[in-house]
Amino acid sequence: MSGVLTTDHPAWHSYENGTRARAVRTASGIWVLSHDREGLHMQCAHGTEDVKPSFVPTDPACLPAAAPAALRAGLDDLGVTQRLANPWLWDAISTAILRQVVRAEQARNLYRAWCAKFGVTVEGRFGELAVAPTAADVLALADEEFAGVGAKFHRTALQSAAAAYEEHHAEWERLDAADLVTALMGIPRIGPWTAAAAASDFTGDFSIYPHADLAVRTWAEQIAPAYPWPDKKKDKTFGPMWTGWAGTDRTALHTLTLSTLTWGSHARADSEDPCGS
């Protein structure tokens, strides 16, 4: 595969002709992004073009040599991939919260319902696309409105996060990935998984992603099924094993983790993939 775009974020929509598209908010406006056989297309649909979305390339040449050969071979087939570094920290935080407890397909549907109901909608090449409601909008919602879109369980976490974001986002946006994880864990009902997932999405640095996440484990096993992987439910050695292959090389760990998630988001696009909690 070549020219592969990482589409793990639930905002990405897939179309029958192979195009992927999403709307995204930057500091200056809302953009419509699409990716097809001709490459990546970006158009500012609302606001100004002053701040453009940016993409982080991931090169399989940086995979750790200690990782299983079959895993490296499967990931090497992706070629150099690219992933949007989410330009809106609030979207990264709220998306990670909406992924808590539920599987990926449920989280995708919940996120899209959440955006369509309370966010801003713009016109894409193949129909309407929506971005998430702002933190201020979330704080203005009545409790029953969360339940109306299936986010009753997530209400208190979203409200706590929205209040903290309104107060601290300018500071948080300047932090490196590891420090951002620590800061986000200070929010009630934001644990290590949610904080790390949000920070990875925003910074584009997947060296701090929750490496023992069910999605990482599942896709790794499917790429290299003959490898003696630890049991997903009982064995706690997967995370140390995974990070141990990269050692102190954060680029290698980023490449290993994000490439595995990229493989999964494309190789199993028509099935319900797993999600963290």
Protein backbone atom coordinates (compact mmCIF):
# COMPACT_ATOMS: atom_id res chain seq x y z
CA MET A 1 0.00 0.00 0.00
CA SER A 2 1.22 3.53 -0.68
CA GLY A 3 0.01 6.99 0.23
CA VAL A 4 -1.89 5.57 3.20
CA LEU A 5 -3.73 7.97 5.48
CA THR A 6 -4.30 6.97 9.11
CA THR A 7 -8.04 7.20 9.78
CA ASP A 8 -8.37 5.91 13.34
CA HIS A 9 -10.22 9.05 14.48
CA PRO A 10 -14.04 8.59 14.36
CA ALA A 11 -14.50 11.83 12.39
CA TRP A 12 -13.24 10.12 9.23
CA HIS A 13 -16.05 8.96 6.94
CA SER A 14 -15.52 6.28 4.27
CA TYR A 15 -17.26 6.30 0.89
CA GLU A 16 -17.84 3.59 -1.70
CA ASN A 17 -15.25 4.99 -4.09
CA GLY A 18 -12.54 4.68 -1.44
CA THR A 19 -12.49 8.37 -0.47
CA ARG A 20 -12.10 9.26 3.22
CA ALA A 21 -13.27 12.67 4.47
CA ARG A 22 -13.69 14.61 7.70
CA ALA A 23 -14.20 18.12 8.98
CA VAL A 24 -11.73 19.57 11.46
CA ARG A 25 -11.45 22.83 13.40
CA THR A 26 -8.18 24.76 13.58
CA ALA A 27 -7.51 27.99 15.45
CA SER A 28 -8.74 30.02 12.47
CA GLY A 29 -11.53 28.04 10.86
CA ILE A 30 -13.18 24.75 9.93
CA TRP A 31 -11.60 22.68 7.17
CA VAL A 32 -12.92 19.85 5.03
CA LEU A 33 -10.25 17.21 4.40
CA SER A 34 -10.53 14.37 1.92
CA HIS A 35 -8.16 11.69 0.69
CA ASP A 36 -8.55 9.68 -2.51
CA ARG A 37 -6.38 8.06 -5.18
CA GLU A 38 -5.07 11.47 -6.18
CA GLY A 39 -3.94 12.27 -2.64
CA LEU A 40 -4.98 14.71 0.05
CA HIS A 41 -7.33 17.66 -0.51
CA MET A 42 -7.97 20.49 1.98
CA GLN A 43 -10.52 23.29 1.76
CA CYS A 44 -11.40 25.93 4.34
CA ALA A 45 -15.19 25.81 4.69
CA HIS A 46 -15.64 28.38 7.47
CA GLY A 47 -13.41 31.10 8.90
CA THR A 48 -9.98 31.86 7.47
CA GLU A 49 -7.05 29.83 6.10
CA ASP A 50 -4.52 31.35 8.51
CA VAL A 51 -3.98 28.09 10.44
CA LYS A 52 -3.93 24.99 8.24
CA PRO A 53 -4.20 21.37 9.38
CA SER A 54 -0.87 19.52 9.48
CA PHE A 55 -0.03 15.86 9.02
CA VAL A 56 2.61 13.72 10.74
CA PRO A 57 4.45 11.24 8.46
CA THR A 58 5.40 7.82 9.82
CA ASP A 59 8.13 5.85 8.05
CA PRO A 60 8.34 2.07 8.58
CA ALA A 61 12.12 2.38 8.22
CA CYS A 62 11.99 3.56 11.86
CA LEU A 63 10.39 0.36 13.17
CA PRO A 64 12.40 -1.25 16.00
CA ALA A 65 14.64 -4.06 14.77
CA ALA A 66 13.77 -6.12 17.85
CA ALA A 67 10.09 -6.41 16.88
CA PRO A 68 9.01 -9.73 15.31
CA ALA A 69 10.00 -10.01 11.64
CA ALA A 70 6.44 -10.88 10.55
CA LEU A 71 5.06 -7.82 12.32
CA ARG A 72 7.67 -5.54 10.75
CA ALA A 73 7.02 -7.05 7.31
CA GLY A 74 3.29 -6.44 7.57
CA LEU A 75 3.79 -2.84 8.69
CA ASP A 76 6.48 -2.21 6.09
CA ASP A 77 3.86 -2.92 3.39
CA LEU A 78 2.06 0.27 4.43
CA GLY A 79 4.93 2.45 3.24
CA VAL A 80 5.20 5.98 4.60
CA THR A 81 1.85 6.91 6.12
CA GLN A 82 0.45 10.21 7.34
CA ARG A 83 -1.91 11.12 10.15
CA LEU A 84 -3.60 14.38 10.99
CA ALA A 85 -2.25 15.86 14.21
CA ASN A 86 -5.60 16.94 15.61
CA PRO A 87 -5.33 20.76 15.67
CA TRP A 88 -8.07 21.14 18.28
CA LEU A 89 -7.17 19.88 21.73
CA TRP A 90 -10.77 19.98 22.90
CA ASP A 91 -11.81 17.59 20.13
CA ALA A 92 -8.98 15.24 21.09
CA ILE A 93 -10.08 15.28 24.73
CA SER A 94 -13.79 14.88 24.10
CA THR A 95 -13.21 12.15 21.52
CA ALA A 96 -11.13 10.14 24.00
CA ILE A 97 -13.85 10.54 26.63
CA LEU A 98 -16.54 9.33 24.23
CA ARG A 99 -14.41 6.25 23.54
CA GLN A 100 -14.46 5.22 27.21
CA VAL A 101 -15.94 1.78 27.92
CA VAL A 102 -17.54 1.27 24.48
CA ARG A 103 -16.24 -0.55 21.40
CA ALA A 104 -14.93 1.34 18.39
CA GLU A 105 -18.07 1.07 16.26
CA GLN A 106 -20.22 2.33 19.14
CA ALA A 107 -17.77 5.14 19.84
CA ARG A 108 -17.77 6.14 16.17
CA ASN A 109 -21.56 6.32 16.07
CA LEU A 110 -21.72 8.18 19.39
CA TYR A 111 -19.10 10.73 18.31
CA ARG A 112 -20.90 11.42 15.03
CA ALA A 113 -24.29 11.76 16.73
CA TRP A 114 -22.71 14.10 19.30
CA CYS A 115 -21.19 16.30 16.59
CA ALA A 116 -24.29 16.31 14.38
CA LYS A 117 -26.58 17.24 17.28
CA PHE A 118 -24.51 19.86 19.12
CA GLY A 119 -21.60 20.79 16.84
CA VAL A 120 -21.19 22.74 13.59
CA THR A 121 -22.03 21.17 10.24
CA VAL A 122 -20.31 22.00 6.94
CA GLU A 123 -20.76 20.69 3.42
CA GLY A 124 -18.24 18.14 2.13
CA ARG A 125 -17.78 16.69 -1.36
CA PHE A 126 -20.07 13.77 -0.53
CA GLY A 127 -22.43 15.32 2.00
CA GLU A 128 -22.49 17.00 5.38
CA LEU A 129 -19.65 16.69 7.88
CA ALA A 130 -19.70 17.93 11.47
CA VAL A 131 -17.18 19.07 14.06
CA ALA A 132 -17.62 18.67 17.81
CA PRO A 133 -19.39 21.21 20.01
CA THR A 134 -17.03 23.60 21.79
CA ALA A 135 -16.25 23.23 25.48
CA ALA A 136 -18.44 26.27 26.18
CA ASP A 137 -21.31 24.63 24.27
CA VAL A 138 -20.90 21.46 26.34
CA LEU A 139 -21.11 23.41 29.59
CA ALA A 140 -24.38 24.95 28.41
CA LEU A 141 -26.07 21.58 27.75
CA ALA A 142 -28.77 20.31 30.08
CA ASP A 143 -28.13 16.91 31.65
CA GLU A 144 -30.91 15.25 29.68
CA GLU A 145 -29.36 16.37 26.39
CA PHE A 146 -26.39 14.07 26.97
CA ALA A 147 -28.73 11.13 27.39
CA GLY A 148 -30.56 12.09 24.22
CA VAL A 149 -27.54 11.20 22.06
CA GLY A 150 -26.39 8.24 24.15
CA ALA A 151 -23.73 10.09 26.17
CA LYS A 152 -25.34 9.82 29.61
CA PHE A 153 -22.43 7.75 30.94
CA HIS A 154 -19.91 10.31 29.63
CA ARG A 155 -21.73 13.43 30.89
CA THR A 156 -19.78 14.13 34.07
CA ALA A 157 -16.42 13.48 32.42
CA LEU A 158 -17.29 15.78 29.52
CA GLN A 159 -18.51 18.52 31.86
CA SER A 160 -15.42 18.30 34.09
CA ALA A 161 -13.12 18.27 31.08
CA ALA A 162 -14.91 21.20 29.45
CA ALA A 163 -14.58 23.33 32.57
CA ALA A 164 -10.89 22.46 32.95
CA TYR A 165 -10.23 23.05 29.25
CA GLU A 166 -11.79 26.52 29.38
CA GLU A 167 -9.45 27.41 32.23
CA HIS A 168 -6.21 25.72 31.18
CA HIS A 169 -6.20 25.07 27.43
CA ALA A 170 -3.73 27.85 26.57
CA GLU A 171 -1.21 26.30 28.95
CA TRP A 172 -1.96 22.71 27.93
CA GLU A 173 -1.49 23.42 24.23
CA ARG A 174 2.15 24.34 24.87
CA LEU A 175 3.04 21.12 26.71
CA ASP A 176 4.91 18.20 25.22
CA ALA A 177 3.04 14.91 24.90
CA ALA A 178 4.14 13.34 28.20
CA ASP A 179 3.43 16.46 30.25
CA LEU A 180 0.06 16.84 28.57
CA VAL A 181 -0.88 13.32 29.68
CA THR A 182 -0.03 14.26 33.27
CA ALA A 183 -2.06 17.47 33.06
CA LEU A 184 -5.13 15.77 31.62
CA MET A 185 -5.07 13.09 34.32
CA GLY A 186 -5.82 15.86 36.82
CA ILE A 187 -9.37 16.07 35.41
CA PRO A 188 -11.96 13.96 37.28
CA ARG A 189 -12.82 10.75 35.40
CA ILE A 190 -9.83 11.12 33.06
CA GLY A 191 -7.57 8.13 33.63
CA PRO A 192 -4.27 7.12 32.01
CA TRP A 193 -5.86 5.58 28.90
CA THR A 194 -8.06 8.58 28.10
CA ALA A 195 -5.30 11.10 28.80
CA ALA A 196 -2.74 9.26 26.67
CA ALA A 197 -5.18 8.75 23.78
CA ALA A 198 -6.10 12.45 23.78
CA ALA A 199 -2.49 13.61 23.99
CA SER A 200 -1.42 11.30 21.15
CA ASP A 201 -4.25 12.54 18.95
CA PHE A 202 -3.38 16.20 19.57
CA THR A 203 0.41 16.04 19.42
CA GLY A 204 0.72 13.28 16.82
CA ASP A 205 3.20 11.53 19.16
CA PHE A 206 2.15 7.90 19.60
CA SER A 207 5.15 7.01 21.73
CA ILE A 208 2.93 7.90 24.70
CA TYR A 209 -0.20 6.08 23.46
CA PRO A 210 -1.58 3.36 25.80
CA HIS A 211 0.42 0.54 24.18
CA ALA A 212 -1.47 -2.32 25.83
CA ASP A 213 -4.71 -1.01 24.29
CA LEU A 214 -6.98 -3.74 22.94
CA ALA A 215 -6.80 -2.30 19.42
CA VAL A 216 -2.99 -2.45 19.34
CA ARG A 217 -2.99 -6.01 20.64
CA THR A 218 -5.68 -7.20 18.26
CA TRP A 219 -4.13 -5.76 15.10
CA ALA A 220 -0.65 -6.96 16.06
CA GLU A 221 -1.98 -10.49 16.43
CA GLN A 222 -3.69 -10.31 13.05
CA ILE A 223 -0.57 -9.00 11.31
CA ALA A 224 1.65 -11.74 12.79
CA PRO A 225 -0.68 -14.58 13.86
CA ALA A 226 2.11 -17.15 14.29
CA TYR A 227 3.90 -15.10 16.94
CA PRO A 228 3.28 -16.30 20.57
CA TRP A 229 1.42 -13.19 21.75
CA PRO A 230 0.40 -12.88 25.42
CA ASP A 231 -3.22 -13.67 26.25
CA LYS A 232 -5.30 -10.49 25.81
CA LYS A 233 -7.38 -11.00 28.95
CA LYS A 234 -5.00 -12.53 31.47
CA ASP A 235 -1.42 -11.66 30.58
CA LYS A 236 -0.08 -8.23 31.60
CA THR A 237 3.24 -8.58 29.78
CA PHE A 238 2.15 -7.14 26.44
CA GLY A 239 2.84 -3.49 27.28
CA PRO A 240 6.37 -4.05 28.64
CA MET A 241 7.14 -6.39 25.74
CA TRP A 242 5.90 -3.84 23.18
CA THR A 243 7.80 -0.90 24.63
CA GLY A 244 10.85 -3.10 25.27
CA TRP A 245 11.27 -3.75 21.54
CA ALA A 246 11.81 -0.01 21.05
CA GLY A 247 13.96 0.51 24.14
CA THR A 248 14.63 4.22 24.64
CA ASP A 249 13.95 5.08 20.98
CA ARG A 250 10.70 7.07 21.11
CA THR A 251 10.55 7.37 17.32
CA ALA A 252 10.67 3.58 17.01
CA LEU A 253 7.90 3.18 19.61
CA HIS A 254 5.78 5.84 17.87
CA THR A 255 6.27 4.11 14.53
CA LEU A 256 5.48 0.65 15.87
CA THR A 257 2.28 1.77 17.62
CA LEU A 258 0.86 4.16 15.04
CA SER A 259 1.68 1.87 12.11
CA THR A 260 -0.18 -0.97 13.85
CA LEU A 261 -3.24 1.23 14.40
CA THR A 262 -3.03 2.40 10.78
CA TRP A 263 -2.90 -1.18 9.53
CA GLY A 264 -5.98 -2.00 11.56
CA SER A 265 -8.02 1.00 10.45
CA HIS A 266 -7.53 0.02 6.80
CA ALA A 267 -7.27 -3.76 6.81
CA ARG A 268 -10.50 -4.18 8.76
CA ALA A 269 -12.43 -1.13 7.58
CA ASP A 270 -15.62 -3.14 7.07
CA SER A 271 -15.69 -4.75 10.52
CA GLU A 272 -16.19 -3.61 14.08
CA ASP A 273 -12.70 -2.97 15.38
CA PRO A 274 -11.82 -2.86 19.09
CA CYS A 275 -11.51 0.22 21.22
CA GLY A 276 -9.86 1.10 24.49
CA SER A 277 -11.56 2.12 27.71
